[in-house]
Amino acid sequence: GVVSGLGRSLQTRDVVLDDLIQTDATINRGNS
């Protein structure tokens, strides 16, 4: 895929993950 965006933030449970790379490369359960 490609890099869709940079510097993204995401709320996961009680934590905010910061400065993430966003991509449209297919990511499924187990790819973590």
ModelCIF file with pLDDT and N, C-alpha, C, O atoms, coordinates in Angstrom:
data_MODEL
#
_entry.id   MODEL 
#
_entity.id                         1 
_entity.type                       polymer 
_entity.pdbx_number_of_molecules   1 
#
_entity_poly.entity_id                      1 
_entity_poly.type                           'polypeptide(L)' 
_entity_poly.nstd_linkage                   no 
_entity_poly.nstd_monomer                   no 
_entity_poly.pdbx_seq_one_letter_code       GVVSGLGRSLQTRDVVLDDLIQTDATINRGNS 
_entity_poly.pdbx_seq_one_letter_code_can   GVVSGLGRSLQTRDVVLDDLIQTDATINRGNS 
_entity_poly.pdbx_strand_id                 A 
#
loop_
_entity_poly_seq.entity_id 
_entity_poly_seq.num 
_entity_poly_seq.mon_id 
_entity_poly_seq.hetero 
1 1  GLY n 
1 2  VAL n 
1 3  VAL n 
1 4  SER n 
1 5  GLY n 
1 6  LEU n 
1 7  GLY n 
1 8  ARG n 
1 9  SER n 
1 10 LEU n 
1 11 GLN n 
1 12 THR n 
1 13 ARG n 
1 14 ASP n 
1 15 VAL n 
1 16 VAL n 
1 17 LEU n 
1 18 ASP n 
1 19 ASP n 
1 20 LEU n 
1 21 ILE n 
1 22 GLN n 
1 23 THR n 
1 24 ASP n 
1 25 ALA n 
1 26 THR n 
1 27 ILE n 
1 28 ASN n 
1 29 ARG n 
1 30 GLY n 
1 31 ASN n 
1 32 SER n 
#
_struct_asym.id          A 
_struct_asym.entity_id   1 
#
loop_
_ma_qa_metric.id 
_ma_qa_metric.mode 
_ma_qa_metric.name 
_ma_qa_metric.software_group_id 
_ma_qa_metric.type 
1 global pLDDT . pLDDT 
2 local  pLDDT . pLDDT 
#
_ma_qa_metric_global.metric_id      1 
_ma_qa_metric_global.metric_value   85.81 
_ma_qa_metric_global.model_id       1 
_ma_qa_metric_global.ordinal_id     1 
#
loop_
_ma_qa_metric_local.label_asym_id 
_ma_qa_metric_local.label_comp_id 
_ma_qa_metric_local.label_seq_id 
_ma_qa_metric_local.metric_id 
_ma_qa_metric_local.metric_value 
_ma_qa_metric_local.model_id 
_ma_qa_metric_local.ordinal_id 
A GLY 1  2 93.00 1 1  
A VAL 2  2 96.00 1 2  
A VAL 3  2 95.00 1 3  
A SER 4  2 94.00 1 4  
A GLY 5  2 92.00 1 5  
A LEU 6  2 91.00 1 6  
A GLY 7  2 86.00 1 7  
A ARG 8  2 88.00 1 8  
A SER 9  2 83.00 1 9  
A LEU 10 2 83.00 1 10 
A GLN 11 2 76.00 1 11 
A THR 12 2 72.00 1 12 
A ARG 13 2 67.00 1 13 
A ASP 14 2 64.00 1 14 
A VAL 15 2 71.00 1 15 
A VAL 16 2 72.00 1 16 
A LEU 17 2 83.00 1 17 
A ASP 18 2 81.00 1 18 
A ASP 19 2 86.00 1 19 
A LEU 20 2 93.00 1 20 
A ILE 21 2 95.00 1 21 
A GLN 22 2 95.00 1 22 
A THR 23 2 95.00 1 23 
A ASP 24 2 91.00 1 24 
A ALA 25 2 91.00 1 25 
A THR 26 2 87.00 1 26 
A ILE 27 2 88.00 1 27 
A ASN 28 2 86.00 1 28 
A ARG 29 2 86.00 1 29 
A GLY 30 2 86.00 1 30 
A ASN 31 2 89.00 1 31 
A SER 32 2 91.00 1 32 
#
loop_
_atom_site.group_PDB 
_atom_site.id 
_atom_site.type_symbol 
_atom_site.label_atom_id 
_atom_site.label_alt_id 
_atom_site.label_comp_id 
_atom_site.label_asym_id 
_atom_site.label_entity_id 
_atom_site.label_seq_id 
_atom_site.pdbx_PDB_ins_code 
_atom_site.Cartn_x 
_atom_site.Cartn_y 
_atom_site.Cartn_z 
_atom_site.occupancy 
_atom_site.B_iso_or_equiv 
_atom_site.pdbx_formal_charge 
_atom_site.auth_seq_id 
_atom_site.auth_comp_id 
_atom_site.auth_asym_id 
_atom_site.auth_atom_id 
_atom_site.pdbx_PDB_model_num 
ATOM 1   N N  . GLY A 1 1  ? 0.844  -1.190  0.000  1.00 93.00 ? 1  GLY A N  1 
ATOM 2   C CA . GLY A 1 1  ? 0.000  0.000   0.000  1.00 93.00 ? 1  GLY A CA 1 
ATOM 3   C C  . GLY A 1 1  ? 0.876  1.235   0.000  1.00 93.00 ? 1  GLY A C  1 
ATOM 4   O O  . GLY A 1 1  ? 2.026  1.194   -0.439 1.00 93.00 ? 1  GLY A O  1 
ATOM 5   N N  . VAL A 1 2  ? 0.330  2.328   0.492  1.00 96.00 ? 2  VAL A N  1 
ATOM 6   C CA . VAL A 1 2  ? 1.067  3.585   0.568  1.00 96.00 ? 2  VAL A CA 1 
ATOM 7   C C  . VAL A 1 2  ? 0.907  4.174   1.955  1.00 96.00 ? 2  VAL A C  1 
ATOM 8   O O  . VAL A 1 2  ? 0.047  3.755   2.729  1.00 96.00 ? 2  VAL A O  1 
ATOM 9   N N  . VAL A 1 3  ? 1.746  5.150   2.261  1.00 95.00 ? 3  VAL A N  1 
ATOM 10  C CA . VAL A 1 3  ? 1.591  5.928   3.485  1.00 95.00 ? 3  VAL A CA 1 
ATOM 11  C C  . VAL A 1 3  ? 0.447  6.905   3.259  1.00 95.00 ? 3  VAL A C  1 
ATOM 12  O O  . VAL A 1 3  ? 0.528  7.776   2.393  1.00 95.00 ? 3  VAL A O  1 
ATOM 13  N N  . SER A 1 4  ? -0.610 6.761   4.035  1.00 94.00 ? 4  SER A N  1 
ATOM 14  C CA . SER A 1 4  ? -1.791 7.615   3.857  1.00 94.00 ? 4  SER A CA 1 
ATOM 15  C C  . SER A 1 4  ? -1.685 8.929   4.606  1.00 94.00 ? 4  SER A C  1 
ATOM 16  O O  . SER A 1 4  ? -2.295 9.922   4.208  1.00 94.00 ? 4  SER A O  1 
ATOM 17  N N  . GLY A 1 5  ? -0.918 8.944   5.685  1.00 92.00 ? 5  GLY A N  1 
ATOM 18  C CA . GLY A 1 5  ? -0.791 10.154  6.473  1.00 92.00 ? 5  GLY A CA 1 
ATOM 19  C C  . GLY A 1 5  ? 0.250  9.976   7.554  1.00 92.00 ? 5  GLY A C  1 
ATOM 20  O O  . GLY A 1 5  ? 0.661  8.855   7.853  1.00 92.00 ? 5  GLY A O  1 
ATOM 21  N N  . LEU A 1 6  ? 0.681  11.087  8.145  1.00 91.00 ? 6  LEU A N  1 
ATOM 22  C CA . LEU A 1 6  ? 1.711  11.083  9.179  1.00 91.00 ? 6  LEU A CA 1 
ATOM 23  C C  . LEU A 1 6  ? 1.223  11.862  10.392 1.00 91.00 ? 6  LEU A C  1 
ATOM 24  O O  . LEU A 1 6  ? 0.329  12.702  10.286 1.00 91.00 ? 6  LEU A O  1 
ATOM 25  N N  . GLY A 1 7  ? 1.819  11.577  11.544 1.00 86.00 ? 7  GLY A N  1 
ATOM 26  C CA . GLY A 1 7  ? 1.487  12.322  12.753 1.00 86.00 ? 7  GLY A CA 1 
ATOM 27  C C  . GLY A 1 7  ? 0.079  12.085  13.255 1.00 86.00 ? 7  GLY A C  1 
ATOM 28  O O  . GLY A 1 7  ? -0.514 12.967  13.877 1.00 86.00 ? 7  GLY A O  1 
ATOM 29  N N  . ARG A 1 8  ? -0.473 10.891  12.993 1.00 88.00 ? 8  ARG A N  1 
ATOM 30  C CA . ARG A 1 8  ? -1.842 10.608  13.445 1.00 88.00 ? 8  ARG A CA 1 
ATOM 31  C C  . ARG A 1 8  ? -1.872 10.265  14.940 1.00 88.00 ? 8  ARG A C  1 
ATOM 32  O O  . ARG A 1 8  ? -0.885 9.788   15.500 1.00 88.00 ? 8  ARG A O  1 
ATOM 33  N N  . SER A 1 9  ? -3.005 10.513  15.561 1.00 83.00 ? 9  SER A N  1 
ATOM 34  C CA . SER A 1 9  ? -3.233 10.142  16.955 1.00 83.00 ? 9  SER A CA 1 
ATOM 35  C C  . SER A 1 9  ? -4.420 9.193   17.018 1.00 83.00 ? 9  SER A C  1 
ATOM 36  O O  . SER A 1 9  ? -5.364 9.299   16.234 1.00 83.00 ? 9  SER A O  1 
ATOM 37  N N  . LEU A 1 10 ? -4.356 8.267   17.962 1.00 83.00 ? 10 LEU A N  1 
ATOM 38  C CA . LEU A 1 10 ? -5.406 7.243   18.058 1.00 83.00 ? 10 LEU A CA 1 
ATOM 39  C C  . LEU A 1 10 ? -5.635 6.893   19.517 1.00 83.00 ? 10 LEU A C  1 
ATOM 40  O O  . LEU A 1 10 ? -4.692 6.625   20.261 1.00 83.00 ? 10 LEU A O  1 
ATOM 41  N N  . GLN A 1 11 ? -6.904 6.900   19.916 1.00 76.00 ? 11 GLN A N  1 
ATOM 42  C CA . GLN A 1 11 ? -7.283 6.513   21.271 1.00 76.00 ? 11 GLN A CA 1 
ATOM 43  C C  . GLN A 1 11 ? -7.515 5.016   21.302 1.00 76.00 ? 11 GLN A C  1 
ATOM 44  O O  . GLN A 1 11 ? -8.398 4.511   20.609 1.00 76.00 ? 11 GLN A O  1 
ATOM 45  N N  . THR A 1 12 ? -6.722 4.292   22.107 1.00 72.00 ? 12 THR A N  1 
ATOM 46  C CA . THR A 1 12 ? -6.899 2.854   22.273 1.00 72.00 ? 12 THR A CA 1 
ATOM 47  C C  . THR A 1 12 ? -7.050 2.571   23.761 1.00 72.00 ? 12 THR A C  1 
ATOM 48  O O  . THR A 1 12 ? -6.132 2.809   24.546 1.00 72.00 ? 12 THR A O  1 
ATOM 49  N N  . ARG A 1 13 ? -8.205 2.067   24.137 1.00 67.00 ? 13 ARG A N  1 
ATOM 50  C CA . ARG A 1 13 ? -8.515 1.841   25.550 1.00 67.00 ? 13 ARG A CA 1 
ATOM 51  C C  . ARG A 1 13 ? -8.276 3.125   26.343 1.00 67.00 ? 13 ARG A C  1 
ATOM 52  O O  . ARG A 1 13 ? -8.918 4.140   26.074 1.00 67.00 ? 13 ARG A O  1 
ATOM 53  N N  . ASP A 1 14 ? -7.350 3.096   27.326 1.00 64.00 ? 14 ASP A N  1 
ATOM 54  C CA . ASP A 1 14 ? -7.124 4.282   28.147 1.00 64.00 ? 14 ASP A CA 1 
ATOM 55  C C  . ASP A 1 14 ? -5.859 5.020   27.753 1.00 64.00 ? 14 ASP A C  1 
ATOM 56  O O  . ASP A 1 14 ? -5.362 5.845   28.520 1.00 64.00 ? 14 ASP A O  1 
ATOM 57  N N  . VAL A 1 15 ? -5.323 4.738   26.559 1.00 71.00 ? 15 VAL A N  1 
ATOM 58  C CA . VAL A 1 15 ? -4.061 5.329   26.127 1.00 71.00 ? 15 VAL A CA 1 
ATOM 59  C C  . VAL A 1 15 ? -4.256 6.022   24.790 1.00 71.00 ? 15 VAL A C  1 
ATOM 60  O O  . VAL A 1 15 ? -4.970 5.527   23.917 1.00 71.00 ? 15 VAL A O  1 
ATOM 61  N N  . VAL A 1 16 ? -3.611 7.177   24.640 1.00 72.00 ? 16 VAL A N  1 
ATOM 62  C CA . VAL A 1 16 ? -3.599 7.882   23.363 1.00 72.00 ? 16 VAL A CA 1 
ATOM 63  C C  . VAL A 1 16 ? -2.240 7.646   22.708 1.00 72.00 ? 16 VAL A C  1 
ATOM 64  O O  . VAL A 1 16 ? -1.213 8.079   23.230 1.00 72.00 ? 16 VAL A O  1 
ATOM 65  N N  . LEU A 1 17 ? -2.234 6.959   21.562 1.00 83.00 ? 17 LEU A N  1 
ATOM 66  C CA . LEU A 1 17 ? -1.007 6.752   20.810 1.00 83.00 ? 17 LEU A CA 1 
ATOM 67  C C  . LEU A 1 17 ? -0.807 7.941   19.881 1.00 83.00 ? 17 LEU A C  1 
ATOM 68  O O  . LEU A 1 17 ? -1.730 8.378   19.195 1.00 83.00 ? 17 LEU A O  1 
ATOM 69  N N  . ASP A 1 18 ? 0.408  8.448   19.876 1.00 81.00 ? 18 ASP A N  1 
ATOM 70  C CA . ASP A 1 18 ? 0.687  9.689   19.171 1.00 81.00 ? 18 ASP A CA 1 
ATOM 71  C C  . ASP A 1 18 ? 1.706  9.461   18.060 1.00 81.00 ? 18 ASP A C  1 
ATOM 72  O O  . ASP A 1 18 ? 2.462  8.490   18.086 1.00 81.00 ? 18 ASP A O  1 
ATOM 73  N N  . ASP A 1 19 ? 1.717  10.369  17.082 1.00 86.00 ? 19 ASP A N  1 
ATOM 74  C CA . ASP A 1 19 ? 2.718  10.405  16.018 1.00 86.00 ? 19 ASP A CA 1 
ATOM 75  C C  . ASP A 1 19 ? 2.749  9.095   15.226 1.00 86.00 ? 19 ASP A C  1 
ATOM 76  O O  . ASP A 1 19 ? 3.825  8.576   14.931 1.00 86.00 ? 19 ASP A O  1 
ATOM 77  N N  . LEU A 1 20 ? 1.579  8.563   14.882 1.00 93.00 ? 20 LEU A N  1 
ATOM 78  C CA . LEU A 1 20 ? 1.501  7.299   14.166 1.00 93.00 ? 20 LEU A CA 1 
ATOM 79  C C  . LEU A 1 20 ? 1.557  7.505   12.657 1.00 93.00 ? 20 LEU A C  1 
ATOM 80  O O  . LEU A 1 20 ? 1.208  8.567   12.142 1.00 93.00 ? 20 LEU A O  1 
ATOM 81  N N  . ILE A 1 21 ? 2.009  6.457   11.960 1.00 95.00 ? 21 ILE A N  1 
ATOM 82  C CA . ILE A 1 21 ? 1.983  6.426   10.498 1.00 95.00 ? 21 ILE A CA 1 
ATOM 83  C C  . ILE A 1 21 ? 0.691  5.746   10.062 1.00 95.00 ? 21 ILE A C  1 
ATOM 84  O O  . ILE A 1 21 ? 0.401  4.627   10.488 1.00 95.00 ? 21 ILE A O  1 
ATOM 85  N N  . GLN A 1 22 ? -0.076 6.411   9.224  1.00 95.00 ? 22 GLN A N  1 
ATOM 86  C CA . GLN A 1 22 ? -1.303 5.808   8.691  1.00 95.00 ? 22 GLN A CA 1 
ATOM 87  C C  . GLN A 1 22 ? -1.008 5.195   7.329  1.00 95.00 ? 22 GLN A C  1 
ATOM 88  O O  . GLN A 1 22 ? -0.321 5.802   6.507  1.00 95.00 ? 22 GLN A O  1 
ATOM 89  N N  . THR A 1 23 ? -1.527 3.992   7.087  1.00 95.00 ? 23 THR A N  1 
ATOM 90  C CA . THR A 1 23 ? -1.293 3.304   5.824  1.00 95.00 ? 23 THR A CA 1 
ATOM 91  C C  . THR A 1 23 ? -2.554 2.591   5.358  1.00 95.00 ? 23 THR A C  1 
ATOM 92  O O  . THR A 1 23 ? -3.418 2.240   6.162  1.00 95.00 ? 23 THR A O  1 
ATOM 93  N N  . ASP A 1 24 ? -2.649 2.380   4.036  1.00 91.00 ? 24 ASP A N  1 
ATOM 94  C CA . ASP A 1 24 ? -3.762 1.597   3.508  1.00 91.00 ? 24 ASP A CA 1 
ATOM 95  C C  . ASP A 1 24 ? -3.332 0.184   3.146  1.00 91.00 ? 24 ASP A C  1 
ATOM 96  O O  . ASP A 1 24 ? -4.127 -0.574  2.591  1.00 91.00 ? 24 ASP A O  1 
ATOM 97  N N  . ALA A 1 25 ? -2.080 -0.188  3.450  1.00 91.00 ? 25 ALA A N  1 
ATOM 98  C CA . ALA A 1 25 ? -1.673 -1.589  3.284  1.00 91.00 ? 25 ALA A CA 1 
ATOM 99  C C  . ALA A 1 25 ? -2.547 -2.447  4.189  1.00 91.00 ? 25 ALA A C  1 
ATOM 100 O O  . ALA A 1 25 ? -2.740 -2.122  5.360  1.00 91.00 ? 25 ALA A O  1 
ATOM 101 N N  . THR A 1 26 ? -3.071 -3.528  3.655  1.00 87.00 ? 26 THR A N  1 
ATOM 102 C CA . THR A 1 26 ? -4.015 -4.357  4.404  1.00 87.00 ? 26 THR A CA 1 
ATOM 103 C C  . THR A 1 26 ? -3.369 -4.911  5.665  1.00 87.00 ? 26 THR A C  1 
ATOM 104 O O  . THR A 1 26 ? -2.343 -5.589  5.605  1.00 87.00 ? 26 THR A O  1 
ATOM 105 N N  . ILE A 1 27 ? -3.983 -4.616  6.806  1.00 88.00 ? 27 ILE A N  1 
ATOM 106 C CA . ILE A 1 27 ? -3.525 -5.111  8.103  1.00 88.00 ? 27 ILE A CA 1 
ATOM 107 C C  . ILE A 1 27 ? -4.712 -5.788  8.775  1.00 88.00 ? 27 ILE A C  1 
ATOM 108 O O  . ILE A 1 27 ? -5.757 -5.170  8.975  1.00 88.00 ? 27 ILE A O  1 
ATOM 109 N N  . ASN A 1 28 ? -4.544 -7.062  9.122  1.00 86.00 ? 28 ASN A N  1 
ATOM 110 C CA . ASN A 1 28 ? -5.618 -7.836  9.729  1.00 86.00 ? 28 ASN A CA 1 
ATOM 111 C C  . ASN A 1 28 ? -5.245 -8.222  11.154 1.00 86.00 ? 28 ASN A C  1 
ATOM 112 O O  . ASN A 1 28 ? -4.123 -7.996  11.606 1.00 86.00 ? 28 ASN A O  1 
ATOM 113 N N  . ARG A 1 29 ? -6.205 -8.802  11.841 1.00 86.00 ? 29 ARG A N  1 
ATOM 114 C CA . ARG A 1 29 ? -5.925 -9.346  13.168 1.00 86.00 ? 29 ARG A CA 1 
ATOM 115 C C  . ARG A 1 29 ? -4.785 -10.362 13.051 1.00 86.00 ? 29 ARG A C  1 
ATOM 116 O O  . ARG A 1 29 ? -4.805 -11.236 12.184 1.00 86.00 ? 29 ARG A O  1 
ATOM 117 N N  . GLY A 1 30 ? -3.811 -10.234 13.921 1.00 86.00 ? 30 GLY A N  1 
ATOM 118 C CA . GLY A 1 30 ? -2.628 -11.076 13.851 1.00 86.00 ? 30 GLY A CA 1 
ATOM 119 C C  . GLY A 1 30 ? -1.424 -10.358 13.267 1.00 86.00 ? 30 GLY A C  1 
ATOM 120 O O  . GLY A 1 30 ? -0.287 -10.783 13.470 1.00 86.00 ? 30 GLY A O  1 
ATOM 121 N N  . ASN A 1 31 ? -1.668 -9.261  12.535 1.00 89.00 ? 31 ASN A N  1 
ATOM 122 C CA . ASN A 1 31 ? -0.564 -8.465  11.996 1.00 89.00 ? 31 ASN A CA 1 
ATOM 123 C C  . ASN A 1 31 ? 0.060  -7.551  13.039 1.00 89.00 ? 31 ASN A C  1 
ATOM 124 O O  . ASN A 1 31 ? 1.140  -7.006  12.810 1.00 89.00 ? 31 ASN A O  1 
ATOM 125 N N  . SER A 1 32 ? -0.597 -7.370  14.179 1.00 91.00 ? 32 SER A N  1 
ATOM 126 C CA . SER A 1 32 ? -0.073 -6.484  15.221 1.00 91.00 ? 32 SER A CA 1 
ATOM 127 C C  . SER A 1 32 ? 1.335  -6.902  15.613 1.00 91.00 ? 32 SER A C  1 
ATOM 128 O O  . SER A 1 32 ? 1.946  -6.275  16.479 1.00 91.00 ? 32 SER A O  1 
#
